[in-house]
Amino acid sequence: MKRYIFFVMAFCMAAIFFISNFAFALPSGPKLFKEYYCIDCHTLGHQGGTVGPDLSYVGKTKSFSWIKAQILNPDSHFILGEKKEINGKIYLTRMPGFAKTIPSSVVNKLAGYIKSFPYKRANLAYKKPPKGLLLFRADNCVACHRINGVGGTVGPNLSHIGKTKSLSWIETQIVAPSVHFTYGIPATINGHTYLVIMPELKNIPASQLNTIARYLESLK
């Protein structure tokens, strides 16, 4: 009897170990689809944005390599700035390429998730991002600056800029960065050295400037 109980316990422990490790190894597609803001522009399942095409069925007609290429270099499929009819709807092609801003391992997981997504899967929890973040991306600030792991590394990481910089400082940095830094001269920020090449965005509308600056100032 004792040998039987020992066998059962050993089997259960082994099963728990196997299942837990297998679960951790599973691609975190839904999480990545939200964390990398794909859900802001695209619907997958029942919720998401409508700036770009619904991706619920794309796995039925597109290959894994096509989806991966679309994430990395969308200009290989569509011409930026042109209108394109997809699934009976017209979209303005404005998707940026993420070859330099998203790790290849993440791209593979995203592409695999989109490729295998079953339409009737449970809804993804969707929380609309702050308007300031949307403008930050729309104005292509994300090409140079990273927030919470997403974005470029040409300029400083802004994930916690609100801890050390005021609203007025951030607004000035956007419209007149020369007030704080000398153009073309390296500057050391948070232990990293960057070449100061940020342009002056003097033509940005005041309301847009304030919205972006307030969002950045909220990042603590």
N, C-alpha and C. Protein backbone atom coordinates (compact mmCIF):
# COMPACT_ATOMS: atom_id res chain seq x y z
N MET A 1 0.83 -1.21 0.00
CA MET A 1 0.00 0.00 0.00
C MET A 1 0.87 1.25 0.00
N LYS A 2 1.93 1.22 0.86
CA LYS A 2 2.81 2.38 0.93
C LYS A 2 3.50 2.61 -0.41
N ARG A 3 3.89 1.49 -1.04
CA ARG A 3 4.56 1.61 -2.35
C ARG A 3 3.61 2.21 -3.37
N TYR A 4 2.33 1.86 -3.28
CA TYR A 4 1.34 2.38 -4.20
C TYR A 4 1.14 3.88 -4.00
N ILE A 5 1.02 4.31 -2.72
CA ILE A 5 0.84 5.73 -2.41
C ILE A 5 2.05 6.52 -2.89
N PHE A 6 3.25 5.96 -2.64
CA PHE A 6 4.47 6.63 -3.07
C PHE A 6 4.50 6.79 -4.59
N PHE A 7 4.07 5.74 -5.29
CA PHE A 7 4.05 5.80 -6.75
C PHE A 7 3.09 6.88 -7.25
N VAL A 8 1.89 6.93 -6.64
CA VAL A 8 0.89 7.92 -7.03
C VAL A 8 1.40 9.33 -6.78
N MET A 9 2.01 9.54 -5.60
CA MET A 9 2.53 10.87 -5.28
C MET A 9 3.63 11.27 -6.24
N ALA A 10 4.53 10.35 -6.56
CA ALA A 10 5.63 10.63 -7.48
C ALA A 10 5.09 10.97 -8.86
N PHE A 11 4.07 10.21 -9.28
CA PHE A 11 3.47 10.45 -10.59
C PHE A 11 2.83 11.84 -10.64
N CYS A 12 2.09 12.22 -9.57
CA CYS A 12 1.43 13.52 -9.53
C CYS A 12 2.43 14.65 -9.55
N MET A 13 3.52 14.51 -8.78
CA MET A 13 4.54 15.55 -8.74
C MET A 13 5.19 15.71 -10.11
N ALA A 14 5.46 14.58 -10.77
CA ALA A 14 6.06 14.64 -12.09
C ALA A 14 5.11 15.30 -13.09
N ALA A 15 3.82 14.97 -12.97
CA ALA A 15 2.83 15.55 -13.88
C ALA A 15 2.73 17.06 -13.67
N ILE A 16 2.72 17.48 -12.39
CA ILE A 16 2.64 18.91 -12.10
C ILE A 16 3.86 19.63 -12.65
N PHE A 17 5.03 19.04 -12.47
CA PHE A 17 6.26 19.65 -12.99
C PHE A 17 6.22 19.78 -14.50
N PHE A 18 5.77 18.71 -15.17
CA PHE A 18 5.71 18.73 -16.63
C PHE A 18 4.73 19.76 -17.13
N ILE A 19 3.53 19.79 -16.53
CA ILE A 19 2.48 20.71 -16.98
C ILE A 19 2.89 22.15 -16.75
N SER A 20 3.47 22.43 -15.57
CA SER A 20 3.85 23.81 -15.26
C SER A 20 4.93 24.28 -16.20
N ASN A 21 5.91 23.43 -16.49
CA ASN A 21 6.98 23.84 -17.40
C ASN A 21 6.48 23.98 -18.82
N PHE A 22 5.56 23.11 -19.22
CA PHE A 22 5.00 23.20 -20.55
C PHE A 22 4.19 24.47 -20.70
N ALA A 23 3.44 24.83 -19.64
CA ALA A 23 2.62 26.04 -19.69
C ALA A 23 3.49 27.28 -19.84
N PHE A 24 4.62 27.31 -19.11
CA PHE A 24 5.49 28.47 -19.20
C PHE A 24 6.13 28.57 -20.57
N ALA A 25 6.25 27.41 -21.26
CA ALA A 25 6.89 27.41 -22.57
C ALA A 25 5.92 27.82 -23.68
N LEU A 26 4.64 27.85 -23.38
CA LEU A 26 3.66 28.20 -24.40
C LEU A 26 3.85 29.64 -24.86
N PRO A 27 3.68 29.91 -26.15
CA PRO A 27 3.77 31.29 -26.64
C PRO A 27 2.71 32.16 -25.99
N SER A 28 3.11 33.32 -25.49
CA SER A 28 2.17 34.23 -24.83
C SER A 28 1.59 35.20 -25.86
N GLY A 29 0.95 34.64 -26.87
CA GLY A 29 0.40 35.44 -27.96
C GLY A 29 -0.54 36.55 -27.54
N PRO A 30 -1.59 36.23 -26.76
CA PRO A 30 -2.54 37.28 -26.37
C PRO A 30 -1.88 38.42 -25.61
N LYS A 31 -0.95 38.07 -24.71
CA LYS A 31 -0.27 39.09 -23.92
C LYS A 31 0.60 39.97 -24.80
N LEU A 32 1.33 39.35 -25.71
CA LEU A 32 2.21 40.12 -26.61
C LEU A 32 1.39 40.99 -27.56
N PHE A 33 0.25 40.49 -28.01
CA PHE A 33 -0.59 41.24 -28.93
C PHE A 33 -1.07 42.53 -28.28
N LYS A 34 -1.25 42.50 -26.95
CA LYS A 34 -1.64 43.71 -26.22
C LYS A 34 -0.43 44.56 -25.85
N GLU A 35 0.62 43.91 -25.35
CA GLU A 35 1.79 44.65 -24.86
C GLU A 35 2.50 45.42 -25.98
N TYR A 36 2.46 44.88 -27.18
CA TYR A 36 3.12 45.55 -28.30
C TYR A 36 2.13 46.38 -29.13
N TYR A 37 0.97 46.64 -28.53
CA TYR A 37 -0.01 47.59 -29.05
C TYR A 37 -0.62 47.20 -30.40
N CYS A 38 -0.50 45.95 -30.80
CA CYS A 38 -1.15 45.50 -32.04
C CYS A 38 -2.66 45.69 -31.92
N ILE A 39 -3.18 45.48 -30.72
CA ILE A 39 -4.61 45.55 -30.48
C ILE A 39 -5.16 46.98 -30.61
N ASP A 40 -4.28 47.98 -30.56
CA ASP A 40 -4.73 49.36 -30.73
C ASP A 40 -5.24 49.62 -32.15
N CYS A 41 -4.63 48.95 -33.11
CA CYS A 41 -4.98 49.17 -34.52
C CYS A 41 -5.77 48.03 -35.14
N HIS A 42 -5.60 46.83 -34.62
CA HIS A 42 -6.21 45.65 -35.25
C HIS A 42 -7.14 44.90 -34.30
N THR A 43 -8.24 44.41 -34.85
CA THR A 43 -9.14 43.53 -34.12
C THR A 43 -8.69 42.10 -34.31
N LEU A 44 -8.71 41.34 -33.22
CA LEU A 44 -8.40 39.92 -33.30
C LEU A 44 -9.40 39.21 -32.41
N GLY A 45 -10.35 38.55 -33.02
CA GLY A 45 -11.44 37.96 -32.25
C GLY A 45 -12.62 38.89 -32.25
N HIS A 46 -12.87 39.55 -31.13
CA HIS A 46 -14.04 40.41 -31.02
C HIS A 46 -13.70 41.84 -30.60
N GLN A 47 -12.47 42.07 -30.14
CA GLN A 47 -12.13 43.40 -29.65
C GLN A 47 -10.81 43.88 -30.23
N GLY A 48 -10.69 45.20 -30.30
CA GLY A 48 -9.47 45.80 -30.83
C GLY A 48 -9.77 47.02 -31.64
N GLY A 49 -8.74 47.62 -32.23
CA GLY A 49 -8.89 48.84 -33.01
C GLY A 49 -9.34 48.56 -34.43
N THR A 50 -9.69 49.63 -35.10
CA THR A 50 -10.17 49.53 -36.49
C THR A 50 -9.34 50.37 -37.44
N VAL A 51 -8.19 50.86 -36.98
CA VAL A 51 -7.30 51.63 -37.85
C VAL A 51 -6.79 50.74 -38.98
N GLY A 52 -6.48 49.49 -38.65
CA GLY A 52 -6.01 48.52 -39.63
C GLY A 52 -7.00 47.39 -39.79
N PRO A 53 -6.74 46.46 -40.70
CA PRO A 53 -7.65 45.36 -40.98
C PRO A 53 -7.87 44.43 -39.79
N ASP A 54 -9.03 43.80 -39.76
CA ASP A 54 -9.34 42.75 -38.79
C ASP A 54 -8.45 41.56 -39.10
N LEU A 55 -7.74 41.05 -38.08
CA LEU A 55 -6.80 39.95 -38.30
C LEU A 55 -7.35 38.59 -37.89
N SER A 56 -8.64 38.53 -37.59
CA SER A 56 -9.22 37.29 -37.09
C SER A 56 -9.11 36.13 -38.07
N TYR A 57 -9.13 36.43 -39.35
CA TYR A 57 -9.10 35.37 -40.36
C TYR A 57 -7.81 35.35 -41.17
N VAL A 58 -6.86 36.23 -40.87
CA VAL A 58 -5.68 36.36 -41.72
C VAL A 58 -4.89 35.05 -41.80
N GLY A 59 -4.96 34.26 -40.72
CA GLY A 59 -4.24 32.98 -40.72
C GLY A 59 -4.74 31.99 -41.74
N LYS A 60 -5.98 32.21 -42.22
CA LYS A 60 -6.54 31.30 -43.22
C LYS A 60 -6.00 31.56 -44.62
N THR A 61 -5.56 32.79 -44.87
CA THR A 61 -5.14 33.14 -46.22
C THR A 61 -3.67 33.51 -46.34
N LYS A 62 -3.03 33.81 -45.21
CA LYS A 62 -1.63 34.23 -45.25
C LYS A 62 -0.74 33.25 -44.50
N SER A 63 0.47 33.09 -45.00
CA SER A 63 1.42 32.17 -44.37
C SER A 63 2.10 32.82 -43.17
N PHE A 64 2.75 31.99 -42.38
CA PHE A 64 3.51 32.50 -41.23
C PHE A 64 4.56 33.49 -41.70
N SER A 65 5.28 33.16 -42.77
CA SER A 65 6.35 34.05 -43.26
C SER A 65 5.78 35.37 -43.76
N TRP A 66 4.58 35.36 -44.36
CA TRP A 66 3.95 36.60 -44.83
C TRP A 66 3.60 37.49 -43.64
N ILE A 67 3.01 36.89 -42.61
CA ILE A 67 2.62 37.66 -41.43
C ILE A 67 3.86 38.24 -40.74
N LYS A 68 4.91 37.44 -40.66
CA LYS A 68 6.15 37.90 -40.04
C LYS A 68 6.74 39.07 -40.82
N ALA A 69 6.74 38.95 -42.14
CA ALA A 69 7.27 40.02 -42.99
C ALA A 69 6.42 41.29 -42.84
N GLN A 70 5.11 41.13 -42.66
CA GLN A 70 4.22 42.28 -42.50
C GLN A 70 4.53 43.04 -41.21
N ILE A 71 4.92 42.32 -40.18
CA ILE A 71 5.28 42.96 -38.92
C ILE A 71 6.62 43.67 -39.03
N LEU A 72 7.57 43.02 -39.64
CA LEU A 72 8.92 43.58 -39.73
C LEU A 72 9.04 44.68 -40.78
N ASN A 73 8.56 44.39 -41.99
CA ASN A 73 8.69 45.33 -43.10
C ASN A 73 7.42 45.35 -43.94
N PRO A 74 6.38 46.03 -43.47
CA PRO A 74 5.11 46.06 -44.20
C PRO A 74 5.20 46.65 -45.59
N ASP A 75 6.26 47.44 -45.87
CA ASP A 75 6.40 48.02 -47.20
C ASP A 75 6.75 46.96 -48.24
N SER A 76 7.03 45.74 -47.78
CA SER A 76 7.26 44.64 -48.73
C SER A 76 5.95 44.15 -49.33
N HIS A 77 4.83 44.54 -48.71
CA HIS A 77 3.50 44.15 -49.19
C HIS A 77 2.67 45.34 -49.65
N PHE A 78 2.80 46.47 -48.96
CA PHE A 78 1.96 47.63 -49.25
C PHE A 78 2.82 48.90 -49.34
N ILE A 79 2.34 49.86 -50.09
CA ILE A 79 3.05 51.13 -50.25
C ILE A 79 2.54 52.12 -49.20
N LEU A 80 3.43 52.64 -48.38
CA LEU A 80 3.07 53.56 -47.32
C LEU A 80 2.37 54.79 -47.89
N GLY A 81 1.23 55.14 -47.27
CA GLY A 81 0.50 56.33 -47.69
C GLY A 81 -0.58 56.08 -48.72
N GLU A 82 -0.60 54.90 -49.32
CA GLU A 82 -1.62 54.58 -50.31
C GLU A 82 -2.82 53.90 -49.65
N LYS A 83 -3.97 54.01 -50.30
CA LYS A 83 -5.18 53.35 -49.80
C LYS A 83 -5.27 51.95 -50.40
N LYS A 84 -5.70 51.01 -49.56
CA LYS A 84 -5.76 49.62 -49.98
C LYS A 84 -7.06 48.99 -49.52
N GLU A 85 -7.74 48.27 -50.43
CA GLU A 85 -8.97 47.57 -50.06
C GLU A 85 -8.63 46.19 -49.54
N ILE A 86 -9.06 45.90 -48.32
CA ILE A 86 -8.81 44.61 -47.69
C ILE A 86 -10.12 44.11 -47.08
N ASN A 87 -10.56 42.95 -47.52
CA ASN A 87 -11.80 42.35 -47.03
C ASN A 87 -12.99 43.30 -47.17
N GLY A 88 -13.03 44.04 -48.31
CA GLY A 88 -14.17 44.90 -48.60
C GLY A 88 -14.12 46.26 -47.94
N LYS A 89 -13.05 46.58 -47.21
CA LYS A 89 -12.92 47.88 -46.56
C LYS A 89 -11.65 48.59 -47.03
N ILE A 90 -11.71 49.91 -47.05
CA ILE A 90 -10.57 50.71 -47.50
C ILE A 90 -9.76 51.18 -46.29
N TYR A 91 -8.45 50.94 -46.34
CA TYR A 91 -7.56 51.36 -45.26
C TYR A 91 -6.42 52.19 -45.84
N LEU A 92 -6.01 53.20 -45.10
CA LEU A 92 -4.83 53.97 -45.47
C LEU A 92 -3.63 53.24 -44.92
N THR A 93 -2.70 52.90 -45.80
CA THR A 93 -1.52 52.15 -45.39
C THR A 93 -0.57 53.05 -44.60
N ARG A 94 -0.45 52.80 -43.31
CA ARG A 94 0.43 53.62 -42.47
C ARG A 94 1.11 52.82 -41.37
N MET A 95 1.12 51.51 -41.50
CA MET A 95 1.76 50.67 -40.51
C MET A 95 3.27 50.82 -40.58
N PRO A 96 3.92 51.12 -39.46
CA PRO A 96 5.38 51.23 -39.47
C PRO A 96 6.02 49.85 -39.42
N GLY A 97 7.25 49.75 -39.85
CA GLY A 97 7.99 48.50 -39.75
C GLY A 97 8.61 48.38 -38.36
N PHE A 98 8.63 47.17 -37.82
CA PHE A 98 9.15 46.98 -36.47
C PHE A 98 10.43 46.15 -36.45
N ALA A 99 11.14 46.12 -37.57
CA ALA A 99 12.36 45.32 -37.66
C ALA A 99 13.40 45.72 -36.62
N LYS A 100 13.43 47.01 -36.28
CA LYS A 100 14.45 47.51 -35.36
C LYS A 100 13.94 47.71 -33.93
N THR A 101 12.65 47.52 -33.73
CA THR A 101 12.09 47.83 -32.41
C THR A 101 11.46 46.65 -31.68
N ILE A 102 11.24 45.54 -32.37
CA ILE A 102 10.66 44.37 -31.71
C ILE A 102 11.62 43.19 -31.88
N PRO A 103 12.00 42.51 -30.80
CA PRO A 103 12.91 41.36 -30.89
C PRO A 103 12.36 40.28 -31.80
N SER A 104 13.25 39.58 -32.49
CA SER A 104 12.83 38.54 -33.43
C SER A 104 12.03 37.44 -32.75
N SER A 105 12.37 37.13 -31.49
CA SER A 105 11.63 36.09 -30.77
C SER A 105 10.19 36.50 -30.55
N VAL A 106 9.97 37.79 -30.29
CA VAL A 106 8.61 38.30 -30.10
C VAL A 106 7.86 38.28 -31.43
N VAL A 107 8.53 38.67 -32.50
CA VAL A 107 7.91 38.67 -33.83
C VAL A 107 7.45 37.26 -34.19
N ASN A 108 8.28 36.26 -33.91
CA ASN A 108 7.92 34.88 -34.21
C ASN A 108 6.68 34.45 -33.43
N LYS A 109 6.61 34.84 -32.16
CA LYS A 109 5.46 34.47 -31.33
C LYS A 109 4.19 35.17 -31.81
N LEU A 110 4.33 36.45 -32.15
CA LEU A 110 3.17 37.20 -32.64
C LEU A 110 2.66 36.61 -33.95
N ALA A 111 3.58 36.36 -34.87
CA ALA A 111 3.19 35.81 -36.17
C ALA A 111 2.54 34.45 -36.02
N GLY A 112 3.10 33.61 -35.14
CA GLY A 112 2.52 32.29 -34.91
C GLY A 112 1.14 32.37 -34.28
N TYR A 113 0.98 33.31 -33.36
CA TYR A 113 -0.31 33.49 -32.70
C TYR A 113 -1.37 33.96 -33.69
N ILE A 114 -1.03 34.96 -34.50
CA ILE A 114 -1.98 35.49 -35.48
C ILE A 114 -2.32 34.41 -36.52
N LYS A 115 -1.31 33.64 -36.92
CA LYS A 115 -1.53 32.59 -37.91
C LYS A 115 -2.48 31.52 -37.41
N SER A 116 -2.37 31.17 -36.14
CA SER A 116 -3.16 30.06 -35.60
C SER A 116 -4.41 30.49 -34.86
N PHE A 117 -4.69 31.80 -34.84
CA PHE A 117 -5.81 32.30 -34.04
C PHE A 117 -7.16 31.77 -34.53
N PRO A 118 -7.90 31.08 -33.66
CA PRO A 118 -9.26 30.66 -34.02
C PRO A 118 -10.25 31.78 -33.71
N TYR A 119 -11.13 32.07 -34.62
CA TYR A 119 -12.01 33.22 -34.49
C TYR A 119 -12.88 33.17 -33.24
N LYS A 120 -13.27 31.99 -32.80
CA LYS A 120 -14.20 31.90 -31.67
C LYS A 120 -13.50 31.86 -30.32
N ARG A 121 -12.21 32.14 -30.32
CA ARG A 121 -11.49 32.18 -29.04
C ARG A 121 -12.09 33.27 -28.16
N ALA A 122 -11.96 33.11 -26.85
CA ALA A 122 -12.52 34.08 -25.90
C ALA A 122 -11.97 35.47 -26.17
N ASN A 123 -12.79 36.46 -25.89
CA ASN A 123 -12.40 37.85 -26.12
C ASN A 123 -11.12 38.20 -25.39
N LEU A 124 -10.32 39.03 -26.03
CA LEU A 124 -9.14 39.58 -25.37
C LEU A 124 -9.57 40.76 -24.52
N ALA A 125 -9.02 40.85 -23.33
CA ALA A 125 -9.31 42.02 -22.51
C ALA A 125 -8.67 43.22 -23.18
N TYR A 126 -9.44 44.24 -23.43
CA TYR A 126 -8.91 45.40 -24.17
C TYR A 126 -9.17 46.69 -23.40
N LYS A 127 -8.12 47.40 -23.18
CA LYS A 127 -8.23 48.70 -22.53
C LYS A 127 -7.62 49.73 -23.47
N LYS A 128 -8.43 50.68 -23.88
CA LYS A 128 -7.95 51.68 -24.82
C LYS A 128 -6.80 52.46 -24.21
N PRO A 129 -5.69 52.59 -24.94
CA PRO A 129 -4.53 53.30 -24.40
C PRO A 129 -4.79 54.80 -24.28
N PRO A 130 -4.00 55.49 -23.45
CA PRO A 130 -4.16 56.94 -23.29
C PRO A 130 -3.96 57.67 -24.62
N LYS A 131 -4.68 58.76 -24.80
CA LYS A 131 -4.56 59.53 -26.03
C LYS A 131 -3.13 60.02 -26.24
N GLY A 132 -2.46 60.35 -25.14
CA GLY A 132 -1.08 60.82 -25.25
C GLY A 132 -0.17 59.77 -25.84
N LEU A 133 -0.40 58.51 -25.48
CA LEU A 133 0.41 57.42 -26.02
C LEU A 133 0.11 57.22 -27.50
N LEU A 134 -1.16 57.33 -27.88
CA LEU A 134 -1.53 57.19 -29.28
C LEU A 134 -0.86 58.28 -30.13
N LEU A 135 -0.86 59.53 -29.62
CA LEU A 135 -0.20 60.62 -30.34
C LEU A 135 1.31 60.42 -30.37
N PHE A 136 1.85 59.90 -29.30
CA PHE A 136 3.29 59.62 -29.22
C PHE A 136 3.70 58.67 -30.34
N ARG A 137 2.83 57.69 -30.60
CA ARG A 137 3.12 56.74 -31.68
C ARG A 137 2.82 57.34 -33.05
N ALA A 138 1.70 58.06 -33.14
CA ALA A 138 1.31 58.64 -34.42
C ALA A 138 2.34 59.64 -34.92
N ASP A 139 2.99 60.37 -34.01
CA ASP A 139 4.02 61.34 -34.39
C ASP A 139 5.39 60.70 -34.54
N ASN A 140 5.42 59.38 -34.44
CA ASN A 140 6.63 58.57 -34.66
C ASN A 140 7.71 58.82 -33.61
N CYS A 141 7.33 59.31 -32.43
CA CYS A 141 8.30 59.45 -31.34
C CYS A 141 8.84 58.07 -30.95
N VAL A 142 8.00 57.05 -31.16
CA VAL A 142 8.36 55.68 -30.80
C VAL A 142 9.52 55.15 -31.64
N ALA A 143 9.83 55.80 -32.74
CA ALA A 143 10.95 55.36 -33.57
C ALA A 143 12.28 55.55 -32.85
N CYS A 144 12.34 56.55 -31.97
CA CYS A 144 13.59 56.88 -31.27
C CYS A 144 13.55 56.58 -29.77
N HIS A 145 12.36 56.60 -29.20
CA HIS A 145 12.25 56.46 -27.75
C HIS A 145 11.43 55.24 -27.36
N ARG A 146 11.84 54.61 -26.29
CA ARG A 146 11.16 53.40 -25.82
C ARG A 146 10.34 53.70 -24.58
N ILE A 147 9.14 53.10 -24.53
CA ILE A 147 8.29 53.17 -23.34
C ILE A 147 7.83 51.76 -23.01
N ASN A 148 8.17 51.31 -21.83
CA ASN A 148 7.77 49.97 -21.37
C ASN A 148 8.16 48.87 -22.35
N GLY A 149 9.37 48.95 -22.86
CA GLY A 149 9.91 47.89 -23.71
C GLY A 149 9.59 48.01 -25.18
N VAL A 150 8.80 48.99 -25.57
CA VAL A 150 8.43 49.14 -26.98
C VAL A 150 8.95 50.46 -27.52
N GLY A 151 9.69 50.40 -28.61
CA GLY A 151 10.19 51.62 -29.24
C GLY A 151 11.66 51.52 -29.56
N GLY A 152 12.20 52.60 -30.10
CA GLY A 152 13.59 52.64 -30.51
C GLY A 152 14.54 52.97 -29.38
N THR A 153 15.83 52.89 -29.69
CA THR A 153 16.86 53.16 -28.68
C THR A 153 17.81 54.26 -29.14
N VAL A 154 17.41 55.02 -30.16
CA VAL A 154 18.23 56.14 -30.63
C VAL A 154 18.30 57.21 -29.54
N GLY A 155 17.16 57.41 -28.87
CA GLY A 155 17.08 58.38 -27.77
C GLY A 155 16.83 57.69 -26.45
N PRO A 156 16.78 58.43 -25.36
CA PRO A 156 16.60 57.87 -24.03
C PRO A 156 15.29 57.12 -23.85
N ASN A 157 15.31 56.15 -22.95
CA ASN A 157 14.12 55.43 -22.55
C ASN A 157 13.25 56.38 -21.72
N LEU A 158 11.98 56.50 -22.07
CA LEU A 158 11.09 57.46 -21.41
C LEU A 158 10.10 56.80 -20.45
N SER A 159 10.32 55.54 -20.13
CA SER A 159 9.35 54.80 -19.32
C SER A 159 9.08 55.42 -17.96
N HIS A 160 10.06 56.16 -17.41
CA HIS A 160 9.88 56.75 -16.08
C HIS A 160 10.26 58.23 -16.07
N ILE A 161 10.11 58.89 -17.19
CA ILE A 161 10.56 60.28 -17.29
C ILE A 161 9.84 61.20 -16.32
N GLY A 162 8.59 60.86 -15.98
CA GLY A 162 7.82 61.70 -15.07
C GLY A 162 8.37 61.75 -13.66
N LYS A 163 9.27 60.83 -13.33
CA LYS A 163 9.86 60.82 -11.99
C LYS A 163 10.83 61.98 -11.80
N THR A 164 11.48 62.38 -12.90
CA THR A 164 12.54 63.38 -12.77
C THR A 164 12.29 64.67 -13.54
N LYS A 165 11.32 64.67 -14.48
CA LYS A 165 11.11 65.85 -15.30
C LYS A 165 9.69 66.39 -15.14
N SER A 166 9.58 67.72 -15.15
CA SER A 166 8.28 68.37 -15.00
C SER A 166 7.56 68.47 -16.34
N LEU A 167 6.30 68.83 -16.27
CA LEU A 167 5.51 69.00 -17.49
C LEU A 167 6.12 70.08 -18.39
N SER A 168 6.51 71.19 -17.81
CA SER A 168 7.07 72.28 -18.61
C SER A 168 8.40 71.88 -19.25
N TRP A 169 9.20 71.10 -18.52
CA TRP A 169 10.48 70.64 -19.08
C TRP A 169 10.23 69.75 -20.29
N ILE A 170 9.27 68.85 -20.17
CA ILE A 170 8.97 67.92 -21.27
C ILE A 170 8.43 68.69 -22.48
N GLU A 171 7.55 69.64 -22.26
CA GLU A 171 7.01 70.43 -23.38
C GLU A 171 8.13 71.19 -24.09
N THR A 172 9.04 71.75 -23.32
CA THR A 172 10.17 72.48 -23.91
C THR A 172 11.06 71.53 -24.70
N GLN A 173 11.27 70.33 -24.16
CA GLN A 173 12.12 69.35 -24.84
C GLN A 173 11.54 68.94 -26.19
N ILE A 174 10.23 68.93 -26.30
CA ILE A 174 9.60 68.55 -27.56
C ILE A 174 9.71 69.65 -28.61
N VAL A 175 9.46 70.88 -28.21
CA VAL A 175 9.44 71.97 -29.19
C VAL A 175 10.79 72.67 -29.36
N ALA A 176 11.63 72.64 -28.31
CA ALA A 176 12.92 73.33 -28.40
C ALA A 176 13.97 72.59 -27.59
N PRO A 177 14.37 71.40 -28.02
CA PRO A 177 15.33 70.60 -27.27
C PRO A 177 16.69 71.27 -27.09
N SER A 178 17.00 72.26 -27.93
CA SER A 178 18.28 72.96 -27.82
C SER A 178 18.40 73.75 -26.52
N VAL A 179 17.26 73.99 -25.86
CA VAL A 179 17.28 74.67 -24.57
C VAL A 179 17.98 73.80 -23.52
N HIS A 180 17.84 72.48 -23.68
CA HIS A 180 18.40 71.54 -22.71
C HIS A 180 19.69 70.89 -23.18
N PHE A 181 19.80 70.64 -24.50
CA PHE A 181 20.96 69.92 -25.02
C PHE A 181 21.48 70.59 -26.29
N THR A 182 22.77 70.42 -26.54
CA THR A 182 23.39 71.00 -27.73
C THR A 182 23.34 70.00 -28.87
N TYR A 183 22.72 70.40 -29.96
CA TYR A 183 22.56 69.50 -31.11
C TYR A 183 23.91 69.01 -31.63
N GLY A 184 24.01 67.71 -31.87
CA GLY A 184 25.23 67.12 -32.42
C GLY A 184 26.27 66.75 -31.40
N ILE A 185 26.01 67.08 -30.13
CA ILE A 185 26.96 66.77 -29.05
C ILE A 185 26.42 65.62 -28.21
N PRO A 186 27.23 64.60 -27.94
CA PRO A 186 26.76 63.48 -27.10
C PRO A 186 26.37 63.94 -25.71
N ALA A 187 25.32 63.33 -25.16
CA ALA A 187 24.86 63.63 -23.81
C ALA A 187 24.63 62.32 -23.07
N THR A 188 25.05 62.27 -21.81
CA THR A 188 24.87 61.06 -21.01
C THR A 188 23.61 61.21 -20.16
N ILE A 189 22.67 60.27 -20.35
CA ILE A 189 21.38 60.31 -19.66
C ILE A 189 21.11 58.93 -19.07
N ASN A 190 20.90 58.88 -17.77
CA ASN A 190 20.64 57.62 -17.07
C ASN A 190 21.72 56.56 -17.35
N GLY A 191 22.96 57.01 -17.41
CA GLY A 191 24.06 56.08 -17.60
C GLY A 191 24.34 55.69 -19.03
N HIS A 192 23.56 56.20 -19.98
CA HIS A 192 23.76 55.89 -21.40
C HIS A 192 24.10 57.16 -22.16
N THR A 193 24.97 57.05 -23.14
CA THR A 193 25.36 58.21 -23.93
C THR A 193 24.63 58.21 -25.27
N TYR A 194 24.02 59.34 -25.60
CA TYR A 194 23.26 59.48 -26.85
C TYR A 194 23.78 60.68 -27.63
N LEU A 195 23.76 60.56 -28.95
CA LEU A 195 24.07 61.70 -29.79
C LEU A 195 22.81 62.54 -29.89
N VAL A 196 22.91 63.82 -29.56
CA VAL A 196 21.73 64.70 -29.56
C VAL A 196 21.36 65.06 -31.00
N ILE A 197 20.27 64.45 -31.47
CA ILE A 197 19.81 64.70 -32.84
C ILE A 197 18.31 64.95 -32.90
N MET A 198 17.70 65.17 -31.75
CA MET A 198 16.25 65.39 -31.75
C MET A 198 15.90 66.71 -32.43
N PRO A 199 14.98 66.67 -33.40
CA PRO A 199 14.59 67.90 -34.09
C PRO A 199 13.62 68.74 -33.25
N GLU A 200 13.52 70.01 -33.58
CA GLU A 200 12.57 70.88 -32.90
C GLU A 200 11.20 70.73 -33.57
N LEU A 201 10.19 70.45 -32.77
CA LEU A 201 8.84 70.24 -33.30
C LEU A 201 7.97 71.46 -33.00
N LYS A 202 8.39 72.58 -33.53
CA LYS A 202 7.72 73.85 -33.23
C LYS A 202 6.33 73.95 -33.85
N ASN A 203 6.06 73.14 -34.87
CA ASN A 203 4.76 73.23 -35.56
C ASN A 203 3.70 72.31 -34.96
N ILE A 204 4.03 71.60 -33.91
CA ILE A 204 3.05 70.71 -33.30
C ILE A 204 1.95 71.54 -32.64
N PRO A 205 0.67 71.22 -32.87
CA PRO A 205 -0.43 71.97 -32.25
C PRO A 205 -0.32 71.97 -30.73
N ALA A 206 -0.70 73.08 -30.11
CA ALA A 206 -0.56 73.24 -28.66
C ALA A 206 -1.29 72.14 -27.89
N SER A 207 -2.50 71.81 -28.33
CA SER A 207 -3.29 70.79 -27.62
C SER A 207 -2.61 69.42 -27.71
N GLN A 208 -2.04 69.14 -28.88
CA GLN A 208 -1.36 67.86 -29.08
C GLN A 208 -0.09 67.80 -28.24
N LEU A 209 0.63 68.91 -28.22
CA LEU A 209 1.84 68.99 -27.41
C LEU A 209 1.52 68.74 -25.94
N ASN A 210 0.49 69.38 -25.45
CA ASN A 210 0.13 69.25 -24.05
C ASN A 210 -0.31 67.83 -23.71
N THR A 211 -1.05 67.20 -24.63
CA THR A 211 -1.53 65.84 -24.39
C THR A 211 -0.37 64.85 -24.29
N ILE A 212 0.59 64.99 -25.22
CA ILE A 212 1.75 64.10 -25.19
C ILE A 212 2.59 64.35 -23.95
N ALA A 213 2.83 65.63 -23.64
CA ALA A 213 3.65 65.98 -22.49
C ALA A 213 3.02 65.50 -21.19
N ARG A 214 1.70 65.65 -21.06
CA ARG A 214 1.03 65.21 -19.84
C ARG A 214 1.11 63.69 -19.70
N TYR A 215 1.02 62.99 -20.81
CA TYR A 215 1.15 61.53 -20.75
C TYR A 215 2.56 61.15 -20.28
N LEU A 216 3.58 61.76 -20.87
CA LEU A 216 4.94 61.47 -20.48
C LEU A 216 5.21 61.83 -19.01
N GLU A 217 4.64 62.95 -18.59
CA GLU A 217 4.82 63.39 -17.21
C GLU A 217 4.17 62.42 -16.22
N SER A 218 3.19 61.65 -16.70
CA SER A 218 2.50 60.69 -15.83
C SER A 218 3.28 59.39 -15.64
N LEU A 219 4.32 59.20 -16.44
CA LEU A 219 5.10 57.97 -16.37
C LEU A 219 6.09 58.06 -15.22
N LYS A 220 5.77 57.42 -14.14
CA LYS A 220 6.60 57.53 -12.93
C LYS A 220 7.46 56.28 -12.73
